[in-house]
Amino acid sequence: MAKSKKFDLENPAPIVDDEDEETLAAIDEGLRDAETGRTVPAEEVRRLLPKWTTASSTRKKR
C-alpha cells in the first residue's frame, strides 16, 4: 500500500498558473453562478448527464 503524505499547511505547494484564458474564464463564470445561487443539485445533474453526453462523445476511441 502506498504511504500517505501529511498536508504541510506551513509550506503549501506552489500554485501552477498554466491554465489558458478560456479555462480561466469558464472557472470565473462558474464561480459567479455559484455565488449568485445558480446551481443545480447533484441529483438533477445525475438525471441530466445522459442527455448532455452524446453517443459519439462516449464512444471508445480505436
N, C-alpha and C. Protein backbone atom coordinates (compact mmCIF):
# COMPACT_ATOMS: atom_id res chain seq x y z
N MET A 1 0.85 -1.18 0.00
CA MET A 1 0.00 0.00 0.00
C MET A 1 0.89 1.24 0.00
N ALA A 2 0.48 2.24 -0.75
CA ALA A 2 1.26 3.47 -0.84
C ALA A 2 1.15 4.24 0.48
N LYS A 3 2.24 4.83 0.86
CA LYS A 3 2.28 5.61 2.09
C LYS A 3 1.67 6.98 1.84
N SER A 4 0.76 7.38 2.71
CA SER A 4 0.11 8.68 2.53
C SER A 4 1.01 9.79 3.06
N LYS A 5 0.83 10.98 2.49
CA LYS A 5 1.60 12.14 2.92
C LYS A 5 0.72 13.04 3.76
N LYS A 6 1.32 13.71 4.74
CA LYS A 6 0.58 14.68 5.54
C LYS A 6 0.59 16.03 4.81
N PHE A 7 -0.47 16.77 5.03
CA PHE A 7 -0.53 18.12 4.48
C PHE A 7 0.40 19.01 5.29
N ASP A 8 1.17 19.81 4.61
CA ASP A 8 2.04 20.76 5.27
C ASP A 8 1.44 22.15 5.08
N LEU A 9 0.63 22.57 6.05
CA LEU A 9 -0.05 23.85 5.93
C LEU A 9 0.89 25.03 6.10
N GLU A 10 2.04 24.78 6.68
CA GLU A 10 3.02 25.85 6.84
C GLU A 10 3.71 26.17 5.51
N ASN A 11 3.89 25.17 4.67
CA ASN A 11 4.57 25.32 3.38
C ASN A 11 3.72 24.72 2.27
N PRO A 12 2.67 25.43 1.84
CA PRO A 12 1.79 24.86 0.81
C PRO A 12 2.52 24.74 -0.53
N ALA A 13 2.02 23.85 -1.36
CA ALA A 13 2.60 23.65 -2.69
C ALA A 13 2.36 24.91 -3.52
N PRO A 14 3.28 25.21 -4.41
CA PRO A 14 3.09 26.40 -5.25
C PRO A 14 1.91 26.21 -6.19
N ILE A 15 1.25 27.31 -6.50
CA ILE A 15 0.12 27.27 -7.43
C ILE A 15 0.67 27.31 -8.84
N VAL A 16 0.28 26.34 -9.64
CA VAL A 16 0.72 26.29 -11.03
C VAL A 16 -0.24 27.14 -11.84
N ASP A 17 0.30 28.10 -12.54
CA ASP A 17 -0.53 29.04 -13.29
C ASP A 17 -0.39 28.77 -14.78
N ASP A 18 -0.85 27.59 -15.21
CA ASP A 18 -0.70 27.24 -16.62
C ASP A 18 -2.03 27.02 -17.33
N GLU A 19 -3.11 27.56 -16.78
CA GLU A 19 -4.41 27.43 -17.42
C GLU A 19 -4.53 28.48 -18.53
N ASP A 20 -5.20 28.10 -19.62
CA ASP A 20 -5.39 29.06 -20.70
C ASP A 20 -6.53 30.02 -20.36
N GLU A 21 -6.64 31.08 -21.11
CA GLU A 21 -7.63 32.13 -20.84
C GLU A 21 -9.06 31.60 -20.89
N GLU A 22 -9.34 30.69 -21.81
CA GLU A 22 -10.69 30.14 -21.94
C GLU A 22 -11.08 29.35 -20.69
N THR A 23 -10.16 28.56 -20.17
CA THR A 23 -10.42 27.78 -18.96
C THR A 23 -10.64 28.70 -17.77
N LEU A 24 -9.79 29.71 -17.64
CA LEU A 24 -9.92 30.65 -16.53
C LEU A 24 -11.25 31.41 -16.60
N ALA A 25 -11.68 31.78 -17.80
CA ALA A 25 -12.96 32.46 -17.97
C ALA A 25 -14.11 31.55 -17.57
N ALA A 26 -14.04 30.26 -17.92
CA ALA A 26 -15.09 29.31 -17.56
C ALA A 26 -15.15 29.11 -16.05
N ILE A 27 -13.99 29.06 -15.41
CA ILE A 27 -13.94 28.93 -13.95
C ILE A 27 -14.57 30.16 -13.30
N ASP A 28 -14.20 31.35 -13.78
CA ASP A 28 -14.78 32.58 -13.24
C ASP A 28 -16.29 32.62 -13.40
N GLU A 29 -16.78 32.18 -14.55
CA GLU A 29 -18.22 32.15 -14.80
C GLU A 29 -18.91 31.19 -13.82
N GLY A 30 -18.32 30.04 -13.61
CA GLY A 30 -18.89 29.07 -12.67
C GLY A 30 -18.91 29.61 -11.25
N LEU A 31 -17.85 30.29 -10.84
CA LEU A 31 -17.82 30.89 -9.50
C LEU A 31 -18.88 31.97 -9.36
N ARG A 32 -19.04 32.80 -10.39
CA ARG A 32 -20.09 33.84 -10.33
C ARG A 32 -21.47 33.20 -10.23
N ASP A 33 -21.71 32.16 -11.01
CA ASP A 33 -23.01 31.47 -10.95
C ASP A 33 -23.26 30.88 -9.56
N ALA A 34 -22.25 30.26 -8.99
CA ALA A 34 -22.40 29.67 -7.65
C ALA A 34 -22.67 30.74 -6.61
N GLU A 35 -21.97 31.87 -6.70
CA GLU A 35 -22.15 32.94 -5.72
C GLU A 35 -23.54 33.55 -5.80
N THR A 36 -24.15 33.55 -6.98
CA THR A 36 -25.50 34.11 -7.13
C THR A 36 -26.59 33.06 -6.92
N GLY A 37 -26.19 31.84 -6.58
CA GLY A 37 -27.17 30.80 -6.29
C GLY A 37 -27.64 30.03 -7.49
N ARG A 38 -26.99 30.22 -8.63
CA ARG A 38 -27.38 29.49 -9.85
C ARG A 38 -26.65 28.16 -9.88
N THR A 39 -27.13 27.24 -9.10
CA THR A 39 -26.53 25.91 -9.04
C THR A 39 -27.59 24.85 -9.30
N VAL A 40 -27.15 23.65 -9.56
CA VAL A 40 -28.05 22.52 -9.81
C VAL A 40 -27.69 21.43 -8.80
N PRO A 41 -28.69 20.89 -8.10
CA PRO A 41 -28.39 19.81 -7.15
C PRO A 41 -27.79 18.59 -7.85
N ALA A 42 -26.97 17.85 -7.13
CA ALA A 42 -26.29 16.68 -7.69
C ALA A 42 -27.28 15.68 -8.29
N GLU A 43 -28.41 15.49 -7.65
CA GLU A 43 -29.41 14.54 -8.15
C GLU A 43 -29.90 14.97 -9.54
N GLU A 44 -30.08 16.27 -9.73
CA GLU A 44 -30.54 16.78 -11.02
C GLU A 44 -29.45 16.59 -12.09
N VAL A 45 -28.20 16.81 -11.70
CA VAL A 45 -27.08 16.61 -12.64
C VAL A 45 -27.04 15.15 -13.08
N ARG A 46 -27.19 14.23 -12.13
CA ARG A 46 -27.18 12.80 -12.48
C ARG A 46 -28.30 12.46 -13.46
N ARG A 47 -29.44 13.10 -13.29
CA ARG A 47 -30.57 12.85 -14.19
C ARG A 47 -30.31 13.43 -15.58
N LEU A 48 -29.68 14.61 -15.63
CA LEU A 48 -29.47 15.30 -16.90
C LEU A 48 -28.22 14.85 -17.64
N LEU A 49 -27.26 14.29 -16.95
CA LEU A 49 -25.98 13.94 -17.56
C LEU A 49 -26.11 13.08 -18.81
N PRO A 50 -26.94 12.06 -18.82
CA PRO A 50 -27.06 11.27 -20.06
C PRO A 50 -27.54 12.10 -21.25
N LYS A 51 -28.33 13.13 -21.01
CA LYS A 51 -28.79 13.99 -22.10
C LYS A 51 -27.68 14.92 -22.58
N TRP A 52 -26.75 15.26 -21.69
CA TRP A 52 -25.67 16.18 -22.04
C TRP A 52 -24.59 15.49 -22.86
N THR A 53 -24.44 14.20 -22.67
CA THR A 53 -23.41 13.48 -23.43
C THR A 53 -24.06 12.83 -24.63
N THR A 54 -23.32 12.75 -25.69
CA THR A 54 -23.83 12.13 -26.91
C THR A 54 -23.15 10.79 -27.10
N ALA A 55 -23.71 9.99 -27.97
CA ALA A 55 -23.14 8.68 -28.25
C ALA A 55 -21.73 8.82 -28.78
N SER A 56 -21.47 9.82 -29.61
CA SER A 56 -20.15 9.97 -30.18
C SER A 56 -19.12 10.41 -29.15
N SER A 57 -19.53 11.17 -28.15
CA SER A 57 -18.56 11.64 -27.16
C SER A 57 -18.23 10.57 -26.13
N THR A 58 -19.08 9.55 -26.01
CA THR A 58 -18.83 8.50 -25.04
C THR A 58 -18.32 7.21 -25.69
N ARG A 59 -18.23 7.20 -27.00
CA ARG A 59 -17.77 6.02 -27.73
C ARG A 59 -16.28 5.82 -27.51
N LYS A 60 -15.87 4.54 -27.39
CA LYS A 60 -14.46 4.24 -27.22
C LYS A 60 -13.67 4.63 -28.46
N LYS A 61 -12.51 5.19 -28.23
CA LYS A 61 -11.61 5.54 -29.34
C LYS A 61 -10.83 4.29 -29.75
N ARG A 62 -10.58 4.15 -31.02
CA ARG A 62 -9.84 2.99 -31.52
C ARG A 62 -8.40 3.32 -31.75
